[in-house]
Structure formats: structure tokens, C-alpha cells
């Protein structure tokens, strides 16, 4: 069975600009679990970097080895100082990442109706 993905636009409590994403309809505690193309993950990482002084903040790192997510609250529990590696999911030949998949993502009200 082939998984069908849909285009959505998401946000977290207006912390980010509206972000384009894909979804297969997955939810975590009722919240969306979007997948993001690398250029969108870079936008998320930049916004998080601005809030890096928050001791409870998460950080996204992108390097030659991949995309990493670190929740500073649980930093001692990771086997790597960069956090947990986010493995890409390939959709139509493009790598997508579940960055922040346990955050309170919601479909943005400004999303165009299809």
C-alpha cells in the first residue's frame, strides 16, 4: 500500500511564519506531525537559534551528516551532543524531515482551501 501525502501549511503558536509541509495525516496527542523539506527545516532552525537562550528550547542542527534535533531539557539523555538524528522520508524524490514531530503543530488558518 502506498502512503498518500498531502500539502499543508502549519505553525506552532505563531512562533514561525506559515510553513509549507507534507502530511500523511499522522498526529501526536492530537497535533499535526508535518514533514518539511530541507529549506523549511533551515527556517525552523534559524527561528530556534534566535531563542537559544531559553533553557527549555529545542535546537535543530543541519550538518554534513544530516538533520538533528536537541531538546535542551533532555540533553543528558542523548548519545550524541547534537541530539537525535532525524532520518529523511523521500517523497517524490525530495527528502522531508519530521522536525519537531512532538510539537504543537496546527494547520494554519491562512492555508488556501483546495
PDB file of N, CA and C in Angstrom:
ATOM      1  N   UNK A   1       0.844  -1.185   0.000  1.00  0.00           N
ATOM      2  CA  UNK A   1       0.000   0.000   0.000  1.00  0.00           C
ATOM      3  C   UNK A   1       0.890   1.250   0.000  1.00  0.00           C
ATOM      4  N   UNK A   2       0.610   2.171  -0.863  1.00  0.00           N
ATOM      5  CA  UNK A   2       1.375   3.409  -0.970  1.00  0.00           C
ATOM      6  C   UNK A   2       0.768   4.466  -0.049  1.00  0.00           C
ATOM      7  N   UNK A   3       1.633   5.140   0.700  1.00  0.00           N
ATOM      8  CA  UNK A   3       1.177   6.228   1.569  1.00  0.00           C
ATOM      9  C   UNK A   3       0.928   7.467   0.727  1.00  0.00           C
ATOM     10  N   UNK A   4      -0.202   8.097   0.932  1.00  0.00           N
ATOM     11  CA  UNK A   4      -0.537   9.329   0.220  1.00  0.00           C
ATOM     12  C   UNK A   4      -0.195  10.507   1.131  1.00  0.00           C
ATOM     13  N   UNK A   5       0.537  11.458   0.578  1.00  0.00           N
ATOM     14  CA  UNK A   5       0.907  12.657   1.315  1.00  0.00           C
ATOM     15  C   UNK A   5       0.151  13.849   0.756  1.00  0.00           C
ATOM     16  N   UNK A   6      -0.171  14.784   1.635  1.00  0.00           N
ATOM     17  CA  UNK A   6      -0.924  15.979   1.270  1.00  0.00           C
ATOM     18  C   UNK A   6      -0.111  17.220   1.623  1.00  0.00           C
ATOM     19  N   UNK A   7      -0.265  18.279   0.837  1.00  0.00           N
ATOM     20  CA  UNK A   7       0.371  19.557   1.120  1.00  0.00           C
ATOM     21  C   UNK A   7      -0.453  20.308   2.156  1.00  0.00           C
ATOM     22  N   UNK A   8       0.239  20.826   3.163  1.00  0.00           N
ATOM     23  CA  UNK A   8      -0.412  21.642   4.196  1.00  0.00           C
ATOM     24  C   UNK A   8       0.496  22.826   4.517  1.00  0.00           C
ATOM     25  N   UNK A   9      -0.033  23.770   5.283  1.00  0.00           N
ATOM     26  CA  UNK A   9       0.733  24.890   5.820  1.00  0.00           C
ATOM     27  C   UNK A   9       0.506  24.853   7.324  1.00  0.00           C
ATOM     28  N   UNK A  10       1.614  24.877   8.092  1.00  0.00           N
ATOM     29  CA  UNK A  10       1.498  24.712   9.545  1.00  0.00           C
ATOM     30  C   UNK A  10       2.213  25.826  10.300  1.00  0.00           C
ATOM     31  N   UNK A  11       1.944  25.874  11.603  1.00  0.00           N
ATOM     32  CA  UNK A  11       2.563  26.821  12.512  1.00  0.00           C
ATOM     33  C   UNK A  11       2.504  26.244  13.926  1.00  0.00           C
ATOM     34  N   UNK A  12       3.293  26.815  14.828  1.00  0.00           N
ATOM     35  CA  UNK A  12       3.253  26.487  16.259  1.00  0.00           C
ATOM     36  C   UNK A  12       3.057  27.792  17.001  1.00  0.00           C
ATOM     37  N   UNK A  13       1.870  28.021  17.511  1.00  0.00           N
ATOM     38  CA  UNK A  13       1.597  29.208  18.328  1.00  0.00           C
ATOM     39  C   UNK A  13       2.187  30.485  17.725  1.00  0.00           C
ATOM     40  N   UNK A  14       2.122  30.626  16.415  1.00  0.00           N
ATOM     41  CA  UNK A  14       2.626  31.798  15.705  1.00  0.00           C
ATOM     42  C   UNK A  14       4.105  32.071  15.968  1.00  0.00           C
ATOM     43  N   UNK A  15       4.854  31.037  16.364  1.00  0.00           N
ATOM     44  CA  UNK A  15       6.296  31.168  16.587  1.00  0.00           C
ATOM     45  C   UNK A  15       7.042  31.286  15.253  1.00  0.00           C
ATOM     46  N   UNK A  16       6.490  30.682  14.221  1.00  0.00           N
ATOM     47  CA  UNK A  16       7.125  30.643  12.910  1.00  0.00           C
ATOM     48  C   UNK A  16       6.234  31.355  11.895  1.00  0.00           C
ATOM     49  N   UNK A  17       6.801  31.702  10.746  1.00  0.00           N
ATOM     50  CA  UNK A  17       5.927  32.115   9.649  1.00  0.00           C
ATOM     51  C   UNK A  17       5.162  30.873   9.194  1.00  0.00           C
ATOM     52  N   UNK A  18       4.084  31.024   8.449  1.00  0.00           N
ATOM     53  CA  UNK A  18       3.410  29.823   7.921  1.00  0.00           C
ATOM     54  C   UNK A  18       4.420  28.981   7.133  1.00  0.00           C
ATOM     55  N   UNK A  19       4.488  27.688   7.460  1.00  0.00           N
ATOM     56  CA  UNK A  19       5.493  26.808   6.864  1.00  0.00           C
ATOM     57  C   UNK A  19       4.842  25.755   5.981  1.00  0.00           C
ATOM     58  N   UNK A  20       5.313  25.626   4.734  1.00  0.00           N
ATOM     59  CA  UNK A  20       4.789  24.566   3.875  1.00  0.00           C
ATOM     60  C   UNK A  20       5.291  23.212   4.367  1.00  0.00           C
ATOM     61  N   UNK A  21       4.429  22.217   4.288  1.00  0.00           N
ATOM     62  CA  UNK A  21       4.777  20.886   4.786  1.00  0.00           C
ATOM     63  C   UNK A  21       3.979  19.833   4.033  1.00  0.00           C
ATOM     64  N   UNK A  22       4.304  18.603   4.331  1.00  0.00           N
ATOM     65  CA  UNK A  22       3.550  17.451   3.838  1.00  0.00           C
ATOM     66  C   UNK A  22       3.005  16.718   5.054  1.00  0.00           C
ATOM     67  N   UNK A  23       1.910  16.007   4.865  1.00  0.00           N
ATOM     68  CA  UNK A  23       1.379  15.159   5.924  1.00  0.00           C
ATOM     69  C   UNK A  23       0.758  13.912   5.308  1.00  0.00           C
ATOM     70  N   UNK A  24       0.835  12.844   6.083  1.00  0.00           N
ATOM     71  CA  UNK A  24       0.118  11.620   5.732  1.00  0.00           C
ATOM     72  C   UNK A  24      -1.064  11.470   6.686  1.00  0.00           C
ATOM     73  N   UNK A  25      -1.310  12.516   7.473  1.00  0.00           N
ATOM     74  CA  UNK A  25      -2.427  12.514   8.404  1.00  0.00           C
ATOM     75  C   UNK A  25      -2.060  12.077   9.808  1.00  0.00           C
ATOM     76  N   UNK A  26      -0.753  11.913  10.091  1.00  0.00           N
ATOM     77  CA  UNK A  26      -0.326  11.490  11.423  1.00  0.00           C
ATOM     78  C   UNK A  26      -0.502  12.586  12.456  1.00  0.00           C
ATOM     79  N   UNK A  27      -0.813  12.162  13.687  1.00  0.00           N
ATOM     80  CA  UNK A  27      -0.987  13.101  14.791  1.00  0.00           C
ATOM     81  C   UNK A  27      -0.250  12.586  16.028  1.00  0.00           C
ATOM     82  N   UNK A  28       0.162  13.510  16.884  1.00  0.00           N
ATOM     83  CA  UNK A  28       0.754  13.211  18.177  1.00  0.00           C
ATOM     84  C   UNK A  28      -0.055  13.993  19.208  1.00  0.00           C
ATOM     85  N   UNK A  29      -0.714  13.293  20.098  1.00  0.00           N
ATOM     86  CA  UNK A  29      -1.576  13.938  21.108  1.00  0.00           C
ATOM     87  C   UNK A  29      -2.566  14.915  20.474  1.00  0.00           C
ATOM     88  N   UNK A  30      -3.018  14.596  19.279  1.00  0.00           N
ATOM     89  CA  UNK A  30      -3.996  15.427  18.583  1.00  0.00           C
ATOM     90  C   UNK A  30      -3.401  16.510  17.697  1.00  0.00           C
ATOM     91  N   UNK A  31      -2.084  16.701  17.740  1.00  0.00           N
ATOM     92  CA  UNK A  31      -1.417  17.734  16.953  1.00  0.00           C
ATOM     93  C   UNK A  31      -0.860  17.140  15.664  1.00  0.00           C
ATOM     94  N   UNK A  32      -0.718  17.977  14.646  1.00  0.00           N
ATOM     95  CA  UNK A  32      -0.173  17.544  13.363  1.00  0.00           C
ATOM     96  C   UNK A  32       1.269  17.053  13.518  1.00  0.00           C
ATOM     97  N   UNK A  33       1.673  16.130  12.672  1.00  0.00           N
ATOM     98  CA  UNK A  33       3.067  15.664  12.596  1.00  0.00           C
ATOM     99  C   UNK A  33       3.566  15.906  11.173  1.00  0.00           C
ATOM    100  N   UNK A  34       3.852  17.174  10.843  1.00  0.00           N
ATOM    101  CA  UNK A  34       4.229  17.513   9.473  1.00  0.00           C
ATOM    102  C   UNK A  34       5.638  17.055   9.122  1.00  0.00           C
ATOM    103  N   UNK A  35       5.868  16.954   7.839  1.00  0.00           N
ATOM    104  CA  UNK A  35       7.193  16.672   7.287  1.00  0.00           C
ATOM    105  C   UNK A  35       7.612  17.886   6.474  1.00  0.00           C
ATOM    106  N   UNK A  36       8.891  18.280   6.606  1.00  0.00           N
ATOM    107  CA  UNK A  36       9.370  19.501   5.977  1.00  0.00           C
ATOM    108  C   UNK A  36      10.525  19.226   5.028  1.00  0.00           C
ATOM    109  N   UNK A  37      10.539  19.931   3.898  1.00  0.00           N
ATOM    110  CA  UNK A  37      11.694  19.908   3.010  1.00  0.00           C
ATOM    111  C   UNK A  37      12.854  20.609   3.727  1.00  0.00           C
ATOM    112  N   UNK A  38      14.074  20.304   3.292  1.00  0.00           N
ATOM    113  CA  UNK A  38      15.257  20.828   3.976  1.00  0.00           C
ATOM    114  C   UNK A  38      15.268  22.353   4.060  1.00  0.00           C
ATOM    115  N   UNK A  39      14.838  23.044   3.009  1.00  0.00           N
ATOM    116  CA  UNK A  39      14.856  24.513   3.071  1.00  0.00           C
ATOM    117  C   UNK A  39      13.918  25.041   4.155  1.00  0.00           C
ATOM    118  N   UNK A  40      12.828  24.332   4.427  1.00  0.00           N
ATOM    119  CA  UNK A  40      11.923  24.741   5.506  1.00  0.00           C
ATOM    120  C   UNK A  40      12.519  24.390   6.864  1.00  0.00           C
ATOM    121  N   UNK A  41      13.217  23.264   6.957  1.00  0.00           N
ATOM    122  CA  UNK A  41      13.906  22.904   8.203  1.00  0.00           C
ATOM    123  C   UNK A  41      14.925  23.987   8.544  1.00  0.00           C
ATOM    124  N   UNK A  42      15.580  24.555   7.536  1.00  0.00           N
ATOM    125  CA  UNK A  42      16.537  25.641   7.776  1.00  0.00           C
ATOM    126  C   UNK A  42      15.839  26.866   8.393  1.00  0.00           C
ATOM    127  N   UNK A  43      14.645  27.185   7.935  1.00  0.00           N
ATOM    128  CA  UNK A  43      13.874  28.304   8.510  1.00  0.00           C
ATOM    129  C   UNK A  43      13.559  28.006   9.976  1.00  0.00           C
ATOM    130  N   UNK A  44      13.121  26.792  10.267  1.00  0.00           N
ATOM    131  CA  UNK A  44      12.818  26.398  11.644  1.00  0.00           C
ATOM    132  C   UNK A  44      14.071  26.530  12.505  1.00  0.00           C
ATOM    133  N   UNK A  45      15.211  26.035  12.000  1.00  0.00           N
ATOM    134  CA  UNK A  45      16.466  26.096  12.756  1.00  0.00           C
ATOM    135  C   UNK A  45      16.859  27.542  13.062  1.00  0.00           C
ATOM    136  N   UNK A  46      16.679  28.439  12.092  1.00  0.00           N
ATOM    137  CA  UNK A  46      17.017  29.853  12.298  1.00  0.00           C
ATOM    138  C   UNK A  46      16.151  30.482  13.380  1.00  0.00           C
ATOM    139  N   UNK A  47      14.868  30.199  13.375  1.00  0.00           N
ATOM    140  CA  UNK A  47      13.970  30.747  14.402  1.00  0.00           C
ATOM    141  C   UNK A  47      14.359  30.197  15.770  1.00  0.00           C
ATOM    142  N   UNK A  48      14.631  28.905  15.857  1.00  0.00           N
ATOM    143  CA  UNK A  48      15.016  28.309  17.137  1.00  0.00           C
ATOM    144  C   UNK A  48      16.336  28.877  17.647  1.00  0.00           C
ATOM    145  N   UNK A  49      17.252  29.154  16.737  1.00  0.00           N
ATOM    146  CA  UNK A  49      18.547  29.716  17.133  1.00  0.00           C
ATOM    147  C   UNK A  49      18.364  31.072  17.805  1.00  0.00           C
ATOM    148  N   UNK A  50      17.389  31.851  17.360  1.00  0.00           N
ATOM    149  CA  UNK A  50      17.118  33.165  17.972  1.00  0.00           C
ATOM    150  C   UNK A  50      16.647  33.017  19.412  1.00  0.00           C
ATOM    151  N   UNK A  51      16.022  31.875  19.732  1.00  0.00           N
ATOM    152  CA  UNK A  51      15.519  31.623  21.084  1.00  0.00           C
ATOM    153  C   UNK A  51      16.443  30.699  21.867  1.00  0.00           C
ATOM    154  N   UNK A  52      17.692  30.564  21.432  1.00  0.00           N
ATOM    155  CA  UNK A  52      18.607  29.573  22.002  1.00  0.00           C
ATOM    156  C   UNK A  52      18.913  29.782  23.481  1.00  0.00           C
ATOM    157  N   UNK A  53      18.693  30.988  24.004  1.00  0.00           N
ATOM    158  CA  UNK A  53      18.978  31.222  25.423  1.00  0.00           C
ATOM    159  C   UNK A  53      17.901  30.640  26.337  1.00  0.00           C
ATOM    160  N   UNK A  54      16.774  30.210  25.796  1.00  0.00           N
ATOM    161  CA  UNK A  54      15.708  29.579  26.576  1.00  0.00           C
ATOM    162  C   UNK A  54      16.176  28.180  26.990  1.00  0.00           C
ATOM    163  N   UNK A  55      16.251  27.905  28.309  1.00  0.00           N
ATOM    164  CA  UNK A  55      16.769  26.604  28.750  1.00  0.00           C
ATOM    165  C   UNK A  55      15.888  25.417  28.356  1.00  0.00           C
ATOM    166  N   UNK A  56      14.646  25.661  27.988  1.00  0.00           N
ATOM    167  CA  UNK A  56      13.743  24.575  27.589  1.00  0.00           C
ATOM    168  C   UNK A  56      13.595  24.461  26.076  1.00  0.00           C
ATOM    169  N   UNK A  57      14.314  25.289  25.343  1.00  0.00           N
ATOM    170  CA  UNK A  57      14.157  25.328  23.892  1.00  0.00           C
ATOM    171  C   UNK A  57      14.722  24.079  23.223  1.00  0.00           C
ATOM    172  N   UNK A  58      14.209  23.810  22.056  1.00  0.00           N
ATOM    173  CA  UNK A  58      14.774  22.779  21.194  1.00  0.00           C
ATOM    174  C   UNK A  58      15.675  23.470  20.179  1.00  0.00           C
ATOM    175  N   UNK A  59      16.629  22.720  19.664  1.00  0.00           N
ATOM    176  CA  UNK A  59      17.509  23.227  18.624  1.00  0.00           C
ATOM    177  C   UNK A  59      17.523  22.236  17.475  1.00  0.00           C
ATOM    178  N   UNK A  60      17.611  22.744  16.265  1.00  0.00           N
ATOM    179  CA  UNK A  60      17.763  21.921  15.069  1.00  0.00           C
ATOM    180  C   UNK A  60      19.140  22.237  14.505  1.00  0.00           C
ATOM    181  N   UNK A  61      19.925  21.212  14.248  1.00  0.00           N
ATOM    182  CA  UNK A  61      21.242  21.366  13.655  1.00  0.00           C
ATOM    183  C   UNK A  61      21.252  20.638  12.318  1.00  0.00           C
ATOM    184  N   UNK A  62      21.811  21.292  11.315  1.00  0.00           N
ATOM    185  CA  UNK A  62      21.960  20.682   9.992  1.00  0.00           C
ATOM    186  C   UNK A  62      23.444  20.661   9.687  1.00  0.00           C
ATOM    187  N   UNK A  63      23.971  19.458   9.430  1.00  0.00           N
ATOM    188  CA  UNK A  63      25.386  19.346   9.074  1.00  0.00           C
ATOM    189  C   UNK A  63      25.550  18.310   7.970  1.00  0.00           C
ATOM    190  N   UNK A  64      26.792  17.974   7.658  1.00  0.00           N
ATOM    191  CA  UNK A  64      27.071  17.026   6.576  1.00  0.00           C
ATOM    192  C   UNK A  64      26.518  15.629   6.841  1.00  0.00           C
ATOM    193  N   UNK A  65      26.240  15.329   8.109  1.00  0.00           N
ATOM    194  CA  UNK A  65      25.729  14.007   8.467  1.00  0.00           C
ATOM    195  C   UNK A  65      24.209  13.949   8.539  1.00  0.00           C
ATOM    196  N   UNK A  66      23.551  15.082   8.439  1.00  0.00           N
ATOM    197  CA  UNK A  66      22.094  15.067   8.451  1.00  0.00           C
ATOM    198  C   UNK A  66      21.470  16.182   9.259  1.00  0.00           C
ATOM    199  N   UNK A  67      20.241  15.929   9.691  1.00  0.00           N
ATOM    200  CA  UNK A  67      19.450  16.878  10.479  1.00  0.00           C
ATOM    201  C   UNK A  67      19.291  16.290  11.874  1.00  0.00           C
ATOM    202  N   UNK A  68      19.501  17.125  12.885  1.00  0.00           N
ATOM    203  CA  UNK A  68      19.495  16.689  14.278  1.00  0.00           C
ATOM    204  C   UNK A  68      18.553  17.580  15.086  1.00  0.00           C
ATOM    205  N   UNK A  69      17.866  16.997  16.055  1.00  0.00           N
ATOM    206  CA  UNK A  69      17.001  17.770  16.957  1.00  0.00           C
ATOM    207  C   UNK A  69      17.425  17.511  18.391  1.00  0.00           C
ATOM    208  N   UNK A  70      17.592  18.589  19.145  1.00  0.00           N
ATOM    209  CA  UNK A  70      18.004  18.512  20.540  1.00  0.00           C
ATOM    210  C   UNK A  70      17.015  19.288  21.389  1.00  0.00           C
ATOM    211  N   UNK A  71      16.392  18.617  22.334  1.00  0.00           N
ATOM    212  CA  UNK A  71      15.561  19.284  23.331  1.00  0.00           C
ATOM    213  C   UNK A  71      16.450  19.474  24.548  1.00  0.00           C
ATOM    214  N   UNK A  72      16.775  20.724  24.888  1.00  0.00           N
ATOM    215  CA  UNK A  72      17.743  21.003  25.954  1.00  0.00           C
ATOM    216  C   UNK A  72      17.310  20.448  27.306  1.00  0.00           C
ATOM    217  N   UNK A  73      16.025  20.292  27.525  1.00  0.00           N
ATOM    218  CA  UNK A  73      15.545  19.747  28.791  1.00  0.00           C
ATOM    219  C   UNK A  73      16.061  18.327  29.002  1.00  0.00           C
ATOM    220  N   UNK A  74      16.205  17.575  27.907  1.00  0.00           N
ATOM    221  CA  UNK A  74      16.626  16.173  27.988  1.00  0.00           C
ATOM    222  C   UNK A  74      18.019  15.965  27.406  1.00  0.00           C
ATOM    223  N   UNK A  75      18.845  16.999  27.373  1.00  0.00           N
ATOM    224  CA  UNK A  75      20.140  16.947  26.694  1.00  0.00           C
ATOM    225  C   UNK A  75      21.041  15.826  27.204  1.00  0.00           C
ATOM    226  N   UNK A  76      20.968  15.495  28.484  1.00  0.00           N
ATOM    227  CA  UNK A  76      21.831  14.449  29.034  1.00  0.00           C
ATOM    228  C   UNK A  76      21.458  13.057  28.546  1.00  0.00           C
ATOM    229  N   UNK A  77      20.273  12.889  27.980  1.00  0.00           N
ATOM    230  CA  UNK A  77      19.803  11.576  27.567  1.00  0.00           C
ATOM    231  C   UNK A  77      20.159  11.184  26.141  1.00  0.00           C
ATOM    232  N   UNK A  78      20.796  12.082  25.398  1.00  0.00           N
ATOM    233  CA  UNK A  78      21.150  11.788  24.006  1.00  0.00           C
ATOM    234  C   UNK A  78      22.528  11.132  23.953  1.00  0.00           C
ATOM    235  N   UNK A  79      22.721  10.245  23.010  1.00  0.00           N
ATOM    236  CA  UNK A  79      24.025   9.631  22.814  1.00  0.00           C
ATOM    237  C   UNK A  79      24.949  10.481  21.964  1.00  0.00           C
ATOM    238  N   UNK A  80      24.450  11.594  21.456  1.00  0.00           N
ATOM    239  CA  UNK A  80      25.221  12.481  20.587  1.00  0.00           C
ATOM    240  C   UNK A  80      24.943  13.916  21.044  1.00  0.00           C
ATOM    241  N   UNK A  81      25.959  14.766  21.136  1.00  0.00           N
ATOM    242  CA  UNK A  81      25.713  16.143  21.608  1.00  0.00           C
ATOM    243  C   UNK A  81      24.812  16.959  20.693  1.00  0.00           C
ATOM    244  N   UNK A  82      24.583  16.492  19.466  1.00  0.00           N
ATOM    245  CA  UNK A  82      23.682  17.193  18.546  1.00  0.00           C
ATOM    246  C   UNK A  82      22.229  16.799  18.781  1.00  0.00           C
ATOM    247  N   UNK A  83      21.986  15.743  19.543  1.00  0.00           N
ATOM    248  CA  UNK A  83      20.627  15.283  19.803  1.00  0.00           C
ATOM    249  C   UNK A  83      20.300  14.030  19.032  1.00  0.00           C
ATOM    250  N   UNK A  84      19.058  13.912  18.592  1.00  0.00           N
ATOM    251  CA  UNK A  84      18.585  12.756  17.833  1.00  0.00           C
ATOM    252  C   UNK A  84      18.620  13.076  16.345  1.00  0.00           C
ATOM    253  N   UNK A  85      19.128  12.138  15.574  1.00  0.00           N
ATOM    254  CA  UNK A  85      19.152  12.326  14.127  1.00  0.00           C
ATOM    255  C   UNK A  85      17.751  12.093  13.580  1.00  0.00           C
ATOM    256  N   UNK A  86      17.337  12.974  12.672  1.00  0.00           N
ATOM    257  CA  UNK A  86      16.035  12.845  12.020  1.00  0.00           C
ATOM    258  C   UNK A  86      16.277  12.246  10.642  1.00  0.00           C
ATOM    259  N   UNK A  87      15.839  11.032  10.451  1.00  0.00           N
ATOM    260  CA  UNK A  87      16.013  10.372   9.163  1.00  0.00           C
ATOM    261  C   UNK A  87      15.016  10.935   8.152  1.00  0.00           C
ATOM    262  N   UNK A  88      15.478  11.172   6.936  1.00  0.00           N
ATOM    263  CA  UNK A  88      14.576  11.729   5.927  1.00  0.00           C
ATOM    264  C   UNK A  88      13.586  10.692   5.406  1.00  0.00           C
ATOM    265  N   UNK A  89      12.461  11.190   4.962  1.00  0.00           N
ATOM    266  CA  UNK A  89      11.461  10.399   4.247  1.00  0.00           C
ATOM    267  C   UNK A  89      11.423  10.987   2.842  1.00  0.00           C
ATOM    268  N   UNK A  90      11.627  10.147   1.850  1.00  0.00           N
ATOM    269  CA  UNK A  90      11.672  10.633   0.472  1.00  0.00           C
ATOM    270  C   UNK A  90      10.256  10.629  -0.116  1.00  0.00           C
ATOM    271  N   UNK A  91       9.821  11.808  -0.550  1.00  0.00           N
ATOM    272  CA  UNK A  91       8.510  11.973  -1.172  1.00  0.00           C
ATOM    273  C   UNK A  91       8.743  12.620  -2.533  1.00  0.00           C
ATOM    274  N   UNK A  92       8.365  11.935  -3.581  1.00  0.00           N
ATOM    275  CA  UNK A  92       8.550  12.444  -4.949  1.00  0.00           C
ATOM    276  C   UNK A  92       9.991  12.881  -5.199  1.00  0.00           C
ATOM    277  N   UNK A  93      10.953  12.107  -4.687  1.00  0.00           N
ATOM    278  CA  UNK A  93      12.363  12.377  -4.918  1.00  0.00           C
ATOM    279  C   UNK A  93      12.968  13.463  -4.052  1.00  0.00           C
ATOM    280  N   UNK A  94      12.217  14.000  -3.092  1.00  0.00           N
ATOM    281  CA  UNK A  94      12.696  15.067  -2.207  1.00  0.00           C
ATOM    282  C   UNK A  94      12.727  14.544  -0.779  1.00  0.00           C
ATOM    283  N   UNK A  95      13.824  14.839  -0.054  1.00  0.00           N
ATOM    284  CA  UNK A  95      13.925  14.453   1.357  1.00  0.00           C
ATOM    285  C   UNK A  95      13.070  15.380   2.217  1.00  0.00           C
ATOM    286  N   UNK A  96      12.259  14.782   3.077  1.00  0.00           N
ATOM    287  CA  UNK A  96      11.443  15.518   4.047  1.00  0.00           C
ATOM    288  C   UNK A  96      11.801  15.025   5.442  1.00  0.00           C
ATOM    289  N   UNK A  97      11.696  15.921   6.419  1.00  0.00           N
ATOM    290  CA  UNK A  97      12.110  15.616   7.784  1.00  0.00           C
ATOM    291  C   UNK A  97      10.980  15.921   8.764  1.00  0.00           C
ATOM    292  N   UNK A  98      10.818  15.044   9.743  1.00  0.00           N
ATOM    293  CA  UNK A  98       9.821  15.246  10.793  1.00  0.00           C
ATOM    294  C   UNK A  98      10.389  16.065  11.940  1.00  0.00           C
ATOM    295  N   UNK A  99      10.869  17.251  11.637  1.00  0.00           N
ATOM    296  CA  UNK A  99      11.440  18.134  12.656  1.00  0.00           C
ATOM    297  C   UNK A  99      10.335  18.621  13.583  1.00  0.00           C
ATOM    298  N   UNK A 100      10.543  18.470  14.867  1.00  0.00           N
ATOM    299  CA  UNK A 100       9.539  18.914  15.822  1.00  0.00           C
ATOM    300  C   UNK A 100       8.269  18.092  15.772  1.00  0.00           C
ATOM    301  N   UNK A 101       8.392  16.787  15.558  1.00  0.00           N
ATOM    302  CA  UNK A 101       7.178  15.980  15.378  1.00  0.00           C
ATOM    303  C   UNK A 101       6.395  15.760  16.664  1.00  0.00           C
ATOM    304  N   UNK A 102       6.925  16.214  17.808  1.00  0.00           N
ATOM    305  CA  UNK A 102       6.146  16.155  19.056  1.00  0.00           C
ATOM    306  C   UNK A 102       5.802  17.560  19.551  1.00  0.00           C
ATOM    307  N   UNK A 103       5.804  18.525  18.636  1.00  0.00           N
ATOM    308  CA  UNK A 103       5.433  19.895  18.975  1.00  0.00           C
ATOM    309  C   UNK A 103       3.948  20.088  18.699  1.00  0.00           C
ATOM    310  N   UNK A 104       3.434  21.236  19.068  1.00  0.00           N
ATOM    311  CA  UNK A 104       2.003  21.512  18.898  1.00  0.00           C
ATOM    312  C   UNK A 104       1.730  22.180  17.553  1.00  0.00           C
ATOM    313  N   UNK A 105       2.105  21.485  16.479  1.00  0.00           N
ATOM    314  CA  UNK A 105       1.846  21.988  15.125  1.00  0.00           C
ATOM    315  C   UNK A 105       0.352  21.974  14.838  1.00  0.00           C
ATOM    316  N   UNK A 106      -0.118  23.009  14.195  1.00  0.00           N
ATOM    317  CA  UNK A 106      -1.511  23.035  13.757  1.00  0.00           C
ATOM    318  C   UNK A 106      -1.563  23.562  12.320  1.00  0.00           C
ATOM    319  N   UNK A 107      -2.580  23.136  11.611  1.00  0.00           N
ATOM    320  CA  UNK A 107      -2.762  23.646  10.257  1.00  0.00           C
ATOM    321  C   UNK A 107      -3.094  25.121  10.353  1.00  0.00           C
ATOM    322  N   UNK A 108      -2.360  25.923   9.588  1.00  0.00           N
ATOM    323  CA  UNK A 108      -2.508  27.376   9.646  1.00  0.00           C
ATOM    324  C   UNK A 108      -3.842  27.783   9.043  1.00  0.00           C
ATOM    325  N   UNK A 109      -4.538  28.657   9.717  1.00  0.00           N
ATOM    326  CA  UNK A 109      -5.856  29.121   9.248  1.00  0.00           C
ATOM    327  C   UNK A 109      -5.762  29.825   7.899  1.00  0.00           C
ATOM    328  N   UNK A 110      -4.563  30.340   7.568  1.00  0.00           N
ATOM    329  CA  UNK A 110      -4.386  31.053   6.310  1.00  0.00           C
ATOM    330  C   UNK A 110      -4.148  30.101   5.132  1.00  0.00           C
ATOM    331  N   UNK A 111      -4.196  28.803   5.391  1.00  0.00           N
ATOM    332  CA  UNK A 111      -3.958  27.823   4.333  1.00  0.00           C
ATOM    333  C   UNK A 111      -5.020  27.945   3.260  1.00  0.00           C
ATOM    334  N   UNK A 112      -4.595  28.005   1.997  1.00  0.00           N
ATOM    335  CA  UNK A 112      -5.602  28.074   0.919  1.00  0.00           C
ATOM    336  C   UNK A 112      -6.442  26.807   0.889  1.00  0.00           C
ATOM    337  N   UNK A 113      -7.697  26.955   0.698  1.00  0.00           N
ATOM    338  CA  UNK A 113      -8.606  25.799   0.618  1.00  0.00           C
ATOM    339  C   UNK A 113      -8.492  25.165  -0.753  1.00  0.00           C
ATOM    340  N   UNK A 114      -8.449  23.823  -0.779  1.00  0.00           N
ATOM    341  CA  UNK A 114      -8.363  23.148  -2.071  1.00  0.00           C
ATOM    342  C   UNK A 114      -9.677  22.502  -2.439  1.00  0.00           C
TER     343      UNK A 114
END
